[in-house]
PDB file of all heavy atoms in Angstrom:
ATOM      1  N   PHE A   1     -44.120 -81.499 -18.436  1.00  0.00           N
ATOM      2  CA  PHE A   1     -45.174 -80.737 -17.901  1.00  0.00           C
ATOM      3  C   PHE A   1     -44.604 -79.527 -17.168  1.00  0.00           C
ATOM      4  O   PHE A   1     -43.452 -79.540 -16.771  1.00  0.00           O
ATOM      5  CB  PHE A   1     -45.999 -81.541 -16.874  1.00  0.00           C
ATOM      6  CG  PHE A   1     -46.674 -82.776 -17.439  1.00  0.00           C
ATOM      7  CD1 PHE A   1     -46.193 -84.043 -17.113  1.00  0.00           C
ATOM      8  CD2 PHE A   1     -47.758 -82.667 -18.264  1.00  0.00           C
ATOM      9  CE1 PHE A   1     -46.788 -85.163 -17.585  1.00  0.00           C
ATOM     10  CE2 PHE A   1     -48.344 -83.781 -18.776  1.00  0.00           C
ATOM     11  CZ  PHE A   1     -47.898 -85.018 -18.452  1.00  0.00           C
ATOM     12  N   TYR A   2     -45.438 -78.538 -17.000  1.00  0.00           N
ATOM     13  CA  TYR A   2     -45.069 -77.392 -16.156  1.00  0.00           C
ATOM     14  C   TYR A   2     -46.328 -76.900 -15.478  1.00  0.00           C
ATOM     15  O   TYR A   2     -47.458 -77.048 -15.976  1.00  0.00           O
ATOM     16  CB  TYR A   2     -44.471 -76.232 -16.988  1.00  0.00           C
ATOM     17  CG  TYR A   2     -43.254 -76.633 -17.767  1.00  0.00           C
ATOM     18  CD1 TYR A   2     -43.315 -77.059 -19.085  1.00  0.00           C
ATOM     19  CD2 TYR A   2     -42.019 -76.606 -17.200  1.00  0.00           C
ATOM     20  CE1 TYR A   2     -42.211 -77.434 -19.811  1.00  0.00           C
ATOM     21  CE2 TYR A   2     -40.876 -76.955 -17.879  1.00  0.00           C
ATOM     22  CZ  TYR A   2     -40.951 -77.383 -19.183  1.00  0.00           C
ATOM     23  OH  TYR A   2     -39.895 -77.788 -19.930  1.00  0.00           O
ATOM     24  N   ASN A   3     -46.132 -76.327 -14.330  1.00  0.00           N
ATOM     25  CA  ASN A   3     -47.256 -75.769 -13.640  1.00  0.00           C
ATOM     26  C   ASN A   3     -47.814 -74.555 -14.415  1.00  0.00           C
ATOM     27  O   ASN A   3     -47.049 -73.862 -15.068  1.00  0.00           O
ATOM     28  CB  ASN A   3     -46.818 -75.284 -12.202  1.00  0.00           C
ATOM     29  CG  ASN A   3     -48.024 -75.282 -11.249  1.00  0.00           C
ATOM     30  OD1 ASN A   3     -49.164 -75.192 -11.637  1.00  0.00           O
ATOM     31  ND2 ASN A   3     -47.716 -75.304  -9.981  1.00  0.00           N
ATOM     32  N   MET A   4     -49.067 -74.393 -14.369  1.00  0.00           N
ATOM     33  CA  MET A   4     -49.730 -73.272 -15.100  1.00  0.00           C
ATOM     34  C   MET A   4     -49.291 -71.996 -14.463  1.00  0.00           C
ATOM     35  O   MET A   4     -49.403 -71.727 -13.277  1.00  0.00           O
ATOM     36  CB  MET A   4     -51.251 -73.398 -14.989  1.00  0.00           C
ATOM     37  CG  MET A   4     -51.994 -72.346 -15.856  1.00  0.00           C
ATOM     38  SD  MET A   4     -51.937 -72.676 -17.595  1.00  0.00           S
ATOM     39  CE  MET A   4     -53.223 -73.943 -17.807  1.00  0.00           C
ATOM     40  N   ALA A   5     -48.706 -71.097 -15.344  1.00  0.00           N
ATOM     41  CA  ALA A   5     -48.193 -69.801 -14.897  1.00  0.00           C
ATOM     42  C   ALA A   5     -49.084 -68.679 -15.475  1.00  0.00           C
ATOM     43  O   ALA A   5     -49.579 -68.793 -16.616  1.00  0.00           O
ATOM     44  CB  ALA A   5     -46.749 -69.632 -15.332  1.00  0.00           C
ATOM     45  N   PHE A   6     -49.260 -67.644 -14.707  1.00  0.00           N
ATOM     46  CA  PHE A   6     -50.090 -66.521 -15.122  1.00  0.00           C
ATOM     47  C   PHE A   6     -49.320 -65.235 -14.936  1.00  0.00           C
ATOM     48  O   PHE A   6     -48.617 -65.059 -13.914  1.00  0.00           O
ATOM     49  CB  PHE A   6     -51.353 -66.477 -14.298  1.00  0.00           C
ATOM     50  CG  PHE A   6     -52.181 -67.756 -14.257  1.00  0.00           C
ATOM     51  CD1 PHE A   6     -51.949 -68.681 -13.295  1.00  0.00           C
ATOM     52  CD2 PHE A   6     -53.182 -67.963 -15.214  1.00  0.00           C
ATOM     53  CE1 PHE A   6     -52.686 -69.900 -13.306  1.00  0.00           C
ATOM     54  CE2 PHE A   6     -53.901 -69.134 -15.192  1.00  0.00           C
ATOM     55  CZ  PHE A   6     -53.663 -70.099 -14.253  1.00  0.00           C
ATOM     56  N   HIS A   7     -49.466 -64.301 -15.855  1.00  0.00           N
ATOM     57  CA  HIS A   7     -48.951 -62.975 -15.659  1.00  0.00           C
ATOM     58  C   HIS A   7     -49.836 -62.181 -14.798  1.00  0.00           C
ATOM     59  O   HIS A   7     -50.721 -61.397 -15.221  1.00  0.00           O
ATOM     60  CB  HIS A   7     -48.777 -62.261 -17.037  1.00  0.00           C
ATOM     61  CG  HIS A   7     -47.732 -62.857 -17.917  1.00  0.00           C
ATOM     62  ND1 HIS A   7     -47.574 -62.469 -19.219  1.00  0.00           N
ATOM     63  CD2 HIS A   7     -46.833 -63.764 -17.654  1.00  0.00           C
ATOM     64  CE1 HIS A   7     -46.539 -63.167 -19.751  1.00  0.00           C
ATOM     65  NE2 HIS A   7     -46.103 -63.997 -18.823  1.00  0.00           N
ATOM     66  N   ALA A   8     -49.786 -62.407 -13.514  1.00  0.00           N
ATOM     67  CA  ALA A   8     -50.660 -61.812 -12.520  1.00  0.00           C
ATOM     68  C   ALA A   8     -49.980 -61.603 -11.172  1.00  0.00           C
ATOM     69  O   ALA A   8     -49.057 -62.392 -10.824  1.00  0.00           O
ATOM     70  CB  ALA A   8     -51.923 -62.641 -12.355  1.00  0.00           C
ATOM     71  N   THR A   9     -50.397 -60.627 -10.475  1.00  0.00           N
ATOM     72  CA  THR A   9     -49.875 -60.402  -9.163  1.00  0.00           C
ATOM     73  C   THR A   9     -50.547 -61.392  -8.206  1.00  0.00           C
ATOM     74  O   THR A   9     -51.497 -62.093  -8.551  1.00  0.00           O
ATOM     75  CB  THR A   9     -50.158 -58.979  -8.663  1.00  0.00           C
ATOM     76  OG1 THR A   9     -51.628 -58.841  -8.491  1.00  0.00           O
ATOM     77  CG2 THR A   9     -49.604 -57.967  -9.706  1.00  0.00           C
ATOM     78  N   ALA A  10     -50.062 -61.402  -6.957  1.00  0.00           N
ATOM     79  CA  ALA A  10     -50.675 -62.290  -5.962  1.00  0.00           C
ATOM     80  C   ALA A  10     -52.132 -61.937  -5.718  1.00  0.00           C
ATOM     81  O   ALA A  10     -52.925 -62.763  -5.234  1.00  0.00           O
ATOM     82  CB  ALA A  10     -49.875 -62.190  -4.642  1.00  0.00           C
ATOM     83  N   LYS A  11     -52.531 -60.681  -6.062  1.00  0.00           N
ATOM     84  CA  LYS A  11     -53.917 -60.251  -5.884  1.00  0.00           C
ATOM     85  C   LYS A  11     -54.771 -60.652  -7.083  1.00  0.00           C
ATOM     86  O   LYS A  11     -55.966 -60.303  -7.155  1.00  0.00           O
ATOM     87  CB  LYS A  11     -53.996 -58.784  -5.659  1.00  0.00           C
ATOM     88  CG  LYS A  11     -53.306 -58.273  -4.355  1.00  0.00           C
ATOM     89  CD  LYS A  11     -53.431 -56.799  -4.240  1.00  0.00           C
ATOM     90  CE  LYS A  11     -52.733 -56.266  -2.955  1.00  0.00           C
ATOM     91  NZ  LYS A  11     -52.851 -54.776  -2.821  1.00  0.00           N
ATOM     92  N   GLY A  12     -54.150 -61.268  -8.095  1.00  0.00           N
ATOM     93  CA  GLY A  12     -54.936 -61.658  -9.279  1.00  0.00           C
ATOM     94  C   GLY A  12     -54.993 -60.550 -10.341  1.00  0.00           C
ATOM     95  O   GLY A  12     -55.716 -60.690 -11.302  1.00  0.00           O
ATOM     96  N   GLU A  13     -54.286 -59.452 -10.107  1.00  0.00           N
ATOM     97  CA  GLU A  13     -54.304 -58.371 -11.114  1.00  0.00           C
ATOM     98  C   GLU A  13     -53.283 -58.708 -12.237  1.00  0.00           C
ATOM     99  O   GLU A  13     -52.165 -59.159 -11.964  1.00  0.00           O
ATOM    100  CB  GLU A  13     -53.929 -57.046 -10.424  1.00  0.00           C
ATOM    101  CG  GLU A  13     -54.874 -56.639  -9.349  1.00  0.00           C
ATOM    102  CD  GLU A  13     -54.355 -55.465  -8.484  1.00  0.00           C
ATOM    103  OE1 GLU A  13     -53.100 -55.241  -8.485  1.00  0.00           O
ATOM    104  OE2 GLU A  13     -55.155 -54.775  -7.866  1.00  0.00           O
ATOM    105  N   ARG A  14     -53.686 -58.408 -13.493  1.00  0.00           N
ATOM    106  CA  ARG A  14     -52.833 -58.724 -14.637  1.00  0.00           C
ATOM    107  C   ARG A  14     -51.561 -57.887 -14.577  1.00  0.00           C
ATOM    108  O   ARG A  14     -51.598 -56.704 -14.322  1.00  0.00           O
ATOM    109  CB  ARG A  14     -53.585 -58.419 -15.919  1.00  0.00           C
ATOM    110  CG  ARG A  14     -52.735 -58.764 -17.190  1.00  0.00           C
ATOM    111  CD  ARG A  14     -53.570 -58.517 -18.438  1.00  0.00           C
ATOM    112  NE  ARG A  14     -52.788 -58.790 -19.626  1.00  0.00           N
ATOM    113  CZ  ARG A  14     -52.600 -59.953 -20.181  1.00  0.00           C
ATOM    114  NH1 ARG A  14     -53.204 -60.996 -19.676  1.00  0.00           N
ATOM    115  NH2 ARG A  14     -51.938 -60.128 -21.274  1.00  0.00           N
ATOM    116  N   SER A  15     -50.449 -58.537 -14.817  1.00  0.00           N
ATOM    117  CA  SER A  15     -49.160 -57.874 -14.830  1.00  0.00           C
ATOM    118  C   SER A  15     -48.672 -57.798 -16.314  1.00  0.00           C
ATOM    119  O   SER A  15     -48.727 -58.770 -17.026  1.00  0.00           O
ATOM    120  CB  SER A  15     -48.140 -58.689 -14.052  1.00  0.00           C
ATOM    121  OG  SER A  15     -46.817 -58.136 -14.145  1.00  0.00           O
ATOM    122  N   SER A  16     -48.339 -56.630 -16.730  1.00  0.00           N
ATOM    123  CA  SER A  16     -47.954 -56.432 -18.152  1.00  0.00           C
ATOM    124  C   SER A  16     -47.047 -55.195 -18.225  1.00  0.00           C
ATOM    125  O   SER A  16     -46.787 -54.561 -17.234  1.00  0.00           O
ATOM    126  CB  SER A  16     -49.254 -56.184 -18.953  1.00  0.00           C
ATOM    127  OG  SER A  16     -49.796 -54.875 -18.678  1.00  0.00           O
ATOM    128  N   PRO A  17     -46.557 -54.888 -19.427  1.00  0.00           N
ATOM    129  CA  PRO A  17     -45.764 -53.673 -19.602  1.00  0.00           C
ATOM    130  C   PRO A  17     -46.483 -52.421 -19.138  1.00  0.00           C
ATOM    131  O   PRO A  17     -45.803 -51.461 -18.818  1.00  0.00           O
ATOM    132  CB  PRO A  17     -45.484 -53.617 -21.127  1.00  0.00           C
ATOM    133  CG  PRO A  17     -45.491 -55.070 -21.513  1.00  0.00           C
ATOM    134  CD  PRO A  17     -46.572 -55.711 -20.664  1.00  0.00           C
ATOM    135  N   ASN A  18     -47.785 -52.444 -19.122  1.00  0.00           N
ATOM    136  CA  ASN A  18     -48.563 -51.333 -18.571  1.00  0.00           C
ATOM    137  C   ASN A  18     -48.123 -50.961 -17.163  1.00  0.00           C
ATOM    138  O   ASN A  18     -48.070 -49.804 -16.787  1.00  0.00           O
ATOM    139  CB  ASN A  18     -50.024 -51.652 -18.563  1.00  0.00           C
ATOM    140  CG  ASN A  18     -50.912 -50.529 -18.018  1.00  0.00           C
ATOM    141  OD1 ASN A  18     -50.885 -49.438 -18.478  1.00  0.00           O
ATOM    142  ND2 ASN A  18     -51.717 -50.857 -17.037  1.00  0.00           N
ATOM    143  N   SER A  19     -47.740 -52.002 -16.392  1.00  0.00           N
ATOM    144  CA  SER A  19     -47.261 -51.789 -15.026  1.00  0.00           C
ATOM    145  C   SER A  19     -46.001 -50.917 -14.994  1.00  0.00           C
ATOM    146  O   SER A  19     -45.784 -50.040 -14.162  1.00  0.00           O
ATOM    147  CB  SER A  19     -46.955 -53.106 -14.329  1.00  0.00           C
ATOM    148  OG  SER A  19     -48.141 -53.949 -14.339  1.00  0.00           O
ATOM    149  N   TYR A  20     -45.084 -51.163 -15.953  1.00  0.00           N
ATOM    150  CA  TYR A  20     -43.848 -50.402 -16.063  1.00  0.00           C
ATOM    151  C   TYR A  20     -44.068 -49.018 -16.554  1.00  0.00           C
ATOM    152  O   TYR A  20     -43.420 -48.043 -16.086  1.00  0.00           O
ATOM    153  CB  TYR A  20     -42.898 -51.107 -16.980  1.00  0.00           C
ATOM    154  CG  TYR A  20     -42.248 -52.339 -16.351  1.00  0.00           C
ATOM    155  CD1 TYR A  20     -42.912 -53.552 -16.325  1.00  0.00           C
ATOM    156  CD2 TYR A  20     -41.020 -52.237 -15.738  1.00  0.00           C
ATOM    157  CE1 TYR A  20     -42.325 -54.662 -15.763  1.00  0.00           C
ATOM    158  CE2 TYR A  20     -40.428 -53.367 -15.125  1.00  0.00           C
ATOM    159  CZ  TYR A  20     -41.105 -54.559 -15.151  1.00  0.00           C
ATOM    160  OH  TYR A  20     -40.550 -55.635 -14.530  1.00  0.00           O
ATOM    161  N   ILE A  21     -45.034 -48.848 -17.466  1.00  0.00           N
ATOM    162  CA  ILE A  21     -45.390 -47.433 -17.963  1.00  0.00           C
ATOM    163  C   ILE A  21     -45.881 -46.639 -16.770  1.00  0.00           C
ATOM    164  O   ILE A  21     -45.506 -45.479 -16.581  1.00  0.00           O
ATOM    165  CB  ILE A  21     -46.409 -47.553 -19.055  1.00  0.00           C
ATOM    166  CG1 ILE A  21     -45.780 -48.212 -20.284  1.00  0.00           C
ATOM    167  CG2 ILE A  21     -46.934 -46.177 -19.409  1.00  0.00           C
ATOM    168  CD1 ILE A  21     -46.749 -48.461 -21.407  1.00  0.00           C
ATOM    169  N   ARG A  22     -46.804 -47.206 -15.990  1.00  0.00           N
ATOM    170  CA  ARG A  22     -47.358 -46.460 -14.839  1.00  0.00           C
ATOM    171  C   ARG A  22     -46.293 -46.156 -13.869  1.00  0.00           C
ATOM    172  O   ARG A  22     -46.292 -45.032 -13.248  1.00  0.00           O
ATOM    173  CB  ARG A  22     -48.506 -47.273 -14.219  1.00  0.00           C
ATOM    174  CG  ARG A  22     -49.738 -47.427 -15.092  1.00  0.00           C
ATOM    175  CD  ARG A  22     -50.788 -48.252 -14.431  1.00  0.00           C
ATOM    176  NE  ARG A  22     -51.993 -48.306 -15.224  1.00  0.00           N
ATOM    177  CZ  ARG A  22     -52.995 -47.438 -15.234  1.00  0.00           C
ATOM    178  NH1 ARG A  22     -52.943 -46.406 -14.443  1.00  0.00           N
ATOM    179  NH2 ARG A  22     -54.053 -47.604 -16.022  1.00  0.00           N
ATOM    180  N   ALA A  23     -45.398 -47.059 -13.554  1.00  0.00           N
ATOM    181  CA  ALA A  23     -44.311 -46.798 -12.609  1.00  0.00           C
ATOM    182  C   ALA A  23     -43.366 -45.744 -13.084  1.00  0.00           C
ATOM    183  O   ALA A  23     -42.918 -44.872 -12.331  1.00  0.00           O
ATOM    184  CB  ALA A  23     -43.533 -48.125 -12.385  1.00  0.00           C
ATOM    185  N   THR A  24     -43.136 -45.739 -14.414  1.00  0.00           N
ATOM    186  CA  THR A  24     -42.268 -44.650 -15.002  1.00  0.00           C
ATOM    187  C   THR A  24     -42.966 -43.316 -14.921  1.00  0.00           C
ATOM    188  O   THR A  24     -42.273 -42.315 -14.587  1.00  0.00           O
ATOM    189  CB  THR A  24     -41.994 -44.997 -16.488  1.00  0.00           C
ATOM    190  OG1 THR A  24     -41.308 -46.300 -16.521  1.00  0.00           O
ATOM    191  CG2 THR A  24     -41.086 -43.965 -17.120  1.00  0.00           C
ATOM    192  N   LEU A  25     -44.239 -43.242 -15.228  1.00  0.00           N
ATOM    193  CA  LEU A  25     -44.921 -41.987 -15.136  1.00  0.00           C
ATOM    194  C   LEU A  25     -45.007 -41.455 -13.726  1.00  0.00           C
ATOM    195  O   LEU A  25     -45.077 -40.255 -13.493  1.00  0.00           O
ATOM    196  CB  LEU A  25     -46.375 -42.107 -15.674  1.00  0.00           C
ATOM    197  CG  LEU A  25     -46.504 -42.346 -17.196  1.00  0.00           C
ATOM    198  CD1 LEU A  25     -47.921 -42.696 -17.538  1.00  0.00           C
ATOM    199  CD2 LEU A  25     -46.077 -41.112 -17.935  1.00  0.00           C
ATOM    200  N   ALA A  26     -44.926 -42.407 -12.706  1.00  0.00           N
ATOM    201  CA  ALA A  26     -44.977 -41.991 -11.348  1.00  0.00           C
ATOM    202  C   ALA A  26     -43.659 -41.444 -10.812  1.00  0.00           C
ATOM    203  O   ALA A  26     -43.583 -40.997  -9.703  1.00  0.00           O
ATOM    204  CB  ALA A  26     -45.404 -43.193 -10.468  1.00  0.00           C
ATOM    205  N   ASP A  27     -42.580 -41.471 -11.674  1.00  0.00           N
ATOM    206  CA  ASP A  27     -41.282 -40.993 -11.272  1.00  0.00           C
ATOM    207  C   ASP A  27     -40.804 -39.993 -12.345  1.00  0.00           C
ATOM    208  O   ASP A  27     -39.820 -40.255 -13.101  1.00  0.00           O
ATOM    209  CB  ASP A  27     -40.309 -42.117 -11.140  1.00  0.00           C
ATOM    210  CG  ASP A  27     -38.916 -41.700 -10.623  1.00  0.00           C
ATOM    211  OD1 ASP A  27     -38.812 -40.531 -10.189  1.00  0.00           O
ATOM    212  OD2 ASP A  27     -37.987 -42.555 -10.715  1.00  0.00           O
ATOM    213  N   PRO A  28     -41.474 -38.861 -12.515  1.00  0.00           N
ATOM    214  CA  PRO A  28     -41.043 -37.892 -13.598  1.00  0.00           C
ATOM    215  C   PRO A  28     -39.645 -37.365 -13.418  1.00  0.00           C
ATOM    216  O   PRO A  28     -39.032 -37.004 -14.422  1.00  0.00           O
ATOM    217  CB  PRO A  28     -42.125 -36.799 -13.447  1.00  0.00           C
ATOM    218  CG  PRO A  28     -42.607 -36.902 -12.068  1.00  0.00           C
ATOM    219  CD  PRO A  28     -42.577 -38.343 -11.714  1.00  0.00           C
ATOM    220  N   ALA A  29     -39.135 -37.280 -12.180  1.00  0.00           N
ATOM    221  CA  ALA A  29     -37.783 -36.747 -11.983  1.00  0.00           C
ATOM    222  C   ALA A  29     -36.789 -37.736 -12.559  1.00  0.00           C
ATOM    223  O   ALA A  29     -35.759 -37.324 -13.192  1.00  0.00           O
ATOM    224  CB  ALA A  29     -37.579 -36.478 -10.524  1.00  0.00           C
ATOM    225  N   GLY A  30     -36.994 -39.002 -12.364  1.00  0.00           N
ATOM    226  CA  GLY A  30     -36.042 -39.993 -12.797  1.00  0.00           C
ATOM    227  C   GLY A  30     -36.234 -40.364 -14.275  1.00  0.00           C
ATOM    228  O   GLY A  30     -35.275 -40.673 -14.993  1.00  0.00           O
ATOM    229  N   TYR A  31     -37.484 -40.323 -14.730  1.00  0.00           N
ATOM    230  CA  TYR A  31     -37.811 -40.756 -16.079  1.00  0.00           C
ATOM    231  C   TYR A  31     -38.811 -39.741 -16.691  1.00  0.00           C
ATOM    232  O   TYR A  31     -40.030 -39.940 -16.502  1.00  0.00           O
ATOM    233  CB  TYR A  31     -38.387 -42.141 -16.137  1.00  0.00           C
ATOM    234  CG  TYR A  31     -37.513 -43.183 -15.450  1.00  0.00           C
ATOM    235  CD1 TYR A  31     -37.716 -43.559 -14.146  1.00  0.00           C
ATOM    236  CD2 TYR A  31     -36.505 -43.795 -16.232  1.00  0.00           C
ATOM    237  CE1 TYR A  31     -36.875 -44.528 -13.558  1.00  0.00           C
ATOM    238  CE2 TYR A  31     -35.627 -44.741 -15.625  1.00  0.00           C
ATOM    239  CZ  TYR A  31     -35.859 -45.083 -14.331  1.00  0.00           C
ATOM    240  OH  TYR A  31     -35.036 -46.074 -13.720  1.00  0.00           O
ATOM    241  N   PRO A  32     -38.342 -38.787 -17.405  1.00  0.00           N
ATOM    242  CA  PRO A  32     -39.249 -37.748 -17.959  1.00  0.00           C
ATOM    243  C   PRO A  32     -39.993 -38.264 -19.171  1.00  0.00           C
ATOM    244  O   PRO A  32     -39.718 -37.914 -20.323  1.00  0.00           O
ATOM    245  CB  PRO A  32     -38.320 -36.618 -18.306  1.00  0.00           C
ATOM    246  CG  PRO A  32     -36.990 -37.273 -18.610  1.00  0.00           C
ATOM    247  CD  PRO A  32     -36.920 -38.453 -17.640  1.00  0.00           C
ATOM    248  N   LEU A  33     -40.987 -39.121 -18.962  1.00  0.00           N
ATOM    249  CA  LEU A  33     -41.792 -39.677 -20.027  1.00  0.00           C
ATOM    250  C   LEU A  33     -43.146 -38.964 -20.125  1.00  0.00           C
ATOM    251  O   LEU A  33     -43.775 -38.682 -19.122  1.00  0.00           O
ATOM    252  CB  LEU A  33     -42.053 -41.207 -19.748  1.00  0.00           C
ATOM    253  CG  LEU A  33     -42.994 -41.886 -20.699  1.00  0.00           C
ATOM    254  CD1 LEU A  33     -42.411 -42.005 -22.115  1.00  0.00           C
ATOM    255  CD2 LEU A  33     -43.345 -43.304 -20.163  1.00  0.00           C
ATOM    256  N   THR A  34     -43.539 -38.646 -21.351  1.00  0.00           N
ATOM    257  CA  THR A  34     -44.833 -38.073 -21.603  1.00  0.00           C
ATOM    258  C   THR A  34     -45.625 -39.056 -22.458  1.00  0.00           C
ATOM    259  O   THR A  34     -45.168 -39.558 -23.480  1.00  0.00           O
ATOM    260  CB  THR A  34     -44.731 -36.753 -22.382  1.00  0.00           C
ATOM    261  OG1 THR A  34     -43.989 -35.820 -21.609  1.00  0.00           O
ATOM    262  CG2 THR A  34     -46.105 -36.175 -22.696  1.00  0.00           C
ATOM    263  N   VAL A  35     -46.813 -39.443 -22.001  1.00  0.00           N
ATOM    264  CA  VAL A  35     -47.738 -40.257 -22.761  1.00  0.00           C
ATOM    265  C   VAL A  35     -48.851 -39.413 -23.296  1.00  0.00           C
ATOM    266  O   VAL A  35     -49.599 -38.760 -22.531  1.00  0.00           O
ATOM    267  CB  VAL A  35     -48.318 -41.427 -21.889  1.00  0.00           C
ATOM    268  CG1 VAL A  35     -49.318 -42.195 -22.634  1.00  0.00           C
ATOM    269  CG2 VAL A  35     -47.189 -42.276 -21.421  1.00  0.00           C
ATOM    270  N   LYS A  36     -48.996 -39.356 -24.599  1.00  0.00           N
ATOM    271  CA  LYS A  36     -50.031 -38.510 -25.251  1.00  0.00           C
ATOM    272  C   LYS A  36     -51.161 -39.420 -25.682  1.00  0.00           C
ATOM    273  O   LYS A  36     -50.966 -40.276 -26.549  1.00  0.00           O
ATOM    274  CB  LYS A  36     -49.442 -37.750 -26.421  1.00  0.00           C
ATOM    275  CG  LYS A  36     -50.336 -36.743 -27.053  1.00  0.00           C
ATOM    276  CD  LYS A  36     -49.651 -35.977 -28.160  1.00  0.00           C
ATOM    277  CE  LYS A  36     -50.511 -34.918 -28.816  1.00  0.00           C
ATOM    278  NZ  LYS A  36     -50.923 -33.843 -27.822  1.00  0.00           N
ATOM    279  N   LEU A  37     -52.331 -39.256 -25.128  1.00  0.00           N
ATOM    280  CA  LEU A  37     -53.525 -40.054 -25.486  1.00  0.00           C
ATOM    281  C   LEU A  37     -54.276 -39.345 -26.614  1.00  0.00           C
ATOM    282  O   LEU A  37     -54.034 -38.227 -26.918  1.00  0.00           O
ATOM    283  CB  LEU A  37     -54.377 -40.234 -24.264  1.00  0.00           C
ATOM    284  CG  LEU A  37     -53.727 -40.892 -23.041  1.00  0.00           C
ATOM    285  CD1 LEU A  37     -54.724 -41.014 -21.886  1.00  0.00           C
ATOM    286  CD2 LEU A  37     -53.234 -42.297 -23.377  1.00  0.00           C
ATOM    287  N   HIS A  38     -55.168 -40.139 -27.211  1.00  0.00           N
ATOM    288  CA  HIS A  38     -55.990 -39.619 -28.294  1.00  0.00           C
ATOM    289  C   HIS A  38     -55.108 -38.982 -29.390  1.00  0.00           C
ATOM    290  O   HIS A  38     -55.425 -37.870 -29.845  1.00  0.00           O
ATOM    291  CB  HIS A  38     -57.048 -38.601 -27.776  1.00  0.00           C
ATOM    292  CG  HIS A  38     -57.892 -39.130 -26.683  1.00  0.00           C
ATOM    293  ND1 HIS A  38     -58.704 -40.266 -26.885  1.00  0.00           N
ATOM    294  CD2 HIS A  38     -58.151 -38.739 -25.421  1.00  0.00           C
ATOM    295  CE1 HIS A  38     -59.383 -40.490 -25.734  1.00  0.00           C
ATOM    296  NE2 HIS A  38     -59.040 -39.592 -24.870  1.00  0.00           N
ATOM    297  N   ALA A  39     -54.103 -39.736 -29.754  1.00  0.00           N
ATOM    298  CA  ALA A  39     -53.182 -39.213 -30.783  1.00  0.00           C
ATOM    299  C   ALA A  39     -52.892 -40.350 -31.792  1.00  0.00           C
ATOM    300  O   ALA A  39     -52.603 -41.465 -31.422  1.00  0.00           O
ATOM    301  CB  ALA A  39     -51.893 -38.733 -30.151  1.00  0.00           C
ATOM    302  N   LEU A  40     -52.985 -40.044 -33.067  1.00  0.00           N
ATOM    303  CA  LEU A  40     -52.760 -40.946 -34.140  1.00  0.00           C
ATOM    304  C   LEU A  40     -51.550 -40.495 -34.983  1.00  0.00           C
ATOM    305  O   LEU A  40     -51.580 -39.392 -35.583  1.00  0.00           O
ATOM    306  CB  LEU A  40     -53.933 -41.102 -35.044  1.00  0.00           C
ATOM    307  CG  LEU A  40     -53.820 -42.020 -36.262  1.00  0.00           C
ATOM    308  CD1 LEU A  40     -53.624 -43.490 -35.825  1.00  0.00           C
ATOM    309  CD2 LEU A  40     -54.999 -41.867 -37.212  1.00  0.00           C
ATOM    310  N   VAL A  41     -50.446 -41.236 -34.912  1.00  0.00           N
ATOM    311  CA  VAL A  41     -49.310 -40.912 -35.728  1.00  0.00           C
ATOM    312  C   VAL A  41     -49.666 -41.145 -37.213  1.00  0.00           C
ATOM    313  O   VAL A  41     -50.027 -42.209 -37.603  1.00  0.00           O
ATOM    314  CB  VAL A  41     -48.065 -41.740 -35.333  1.00  0.00           C
ATOM    315  CG1 VAL A  41     -46.905 -41.503 -36.315  1.00  0.00           C
ATOM    316  CG2 VAL A  41     -47.664 -41.372 -33.927  1.00  0.00           C
ATOM    317  N   THR A  42     -49.513 -40.129 -38.017  1.00  0.00           N
ATOM    318  CA  THR A  42     -49.830 -40.243 -39.442  1.00  0.00           C
ATOM    319  C   THR A  42     -48.630 -40.507 -40.299  1.00  0.00           C
ATOM    320  O   THR A  42     -48.773 -41.188 -41.364  1.00  0.00           O
ATOM    321  CB  THR A  42     -50.502 -38.953 -39.954  1.00  0.00           C
ATOM    322  OG1 THR A  42     -49.611 -37.823 -39.700  1.00  0.00           O
ATOM    323  CG2 THR A  42     -51.814 -38.660 -39.195  1.00  0.00           C
ATOM    324  N   ARG A  43     -47.441 -40.071 -39.950  1.00  0.00           N
ATOM    325  CA  ARG A  43     -46.231 -40.350 -40.701  1.00  0.00           C
ATOM    326  C   ARG A  43     -45.043 -39.936 -39.922  1.00  0.00           C
ATOM    327  O   ARG A  43     -45.120 -39.117 -38.974  1.00  0.00           O
ATOM    328  CB  ARG A  43     -46.261 -39.723 -42.053  1.00  0.00           C
ATOM    329  CG  ARG A  43     -46.254 -38.164 -42.020  1.00  0.00           C
ATOM    330  CD  ARG A  43     -46.432 -37.568 -43.392  1.00  0.00           C
ATOM    331  NE  ARG A  43     -46.483 -36.131 -43.409  1.00  0.00           N
ATOM    332  CZ  ARG A  43     -45.507 -35.327 -43.731  1.00  0.00           C
ATOM    333  NH1 ARG A  43     -44.362 -35.804 -44.174  1.00  0.00           N
ATOM    334  NH2 ARG A  43     -45.623 -33.960 -43.697  1.00  0.00           N
ATOM    335  N   VAL A  44     -43.875 -40.443 -40.307  1.00  0.00           N
ATOM    336  CA  VAL A  44     -42.569 -39.988 -39.813  1.00  0.00           C
ATOM    337  C   VAL A  44     -42.147 -38.809 -40.607  1.00  0.00           C
ATOM    338  O   VAL A  44     -42.283 -38.775 -41.857  1.00  0.00           O
ATOM    339  CB  VAL A  44     -41.539 -41.147 -39.873  1.00  0.00           C
ATOM    340  CG1 VAL A  44     -40.175 -40.610 -39.437  1.00  0.00           C
ATOM    341  CG2 VAL A  44     -42.006 -42.307 -38.994  1.00  0.00           C
TER     342      VAL A  44
END
């Protein structure tokens, strides 16, 4: 058996890779990441 584990913060907020993306975007000097929304890659 194992205790039920959840990907959530102590506040009950879901923890996911999204958290890392937001943290990265919040540090443009250290990590120059651009996220382009409403974009569909059609081919390489």
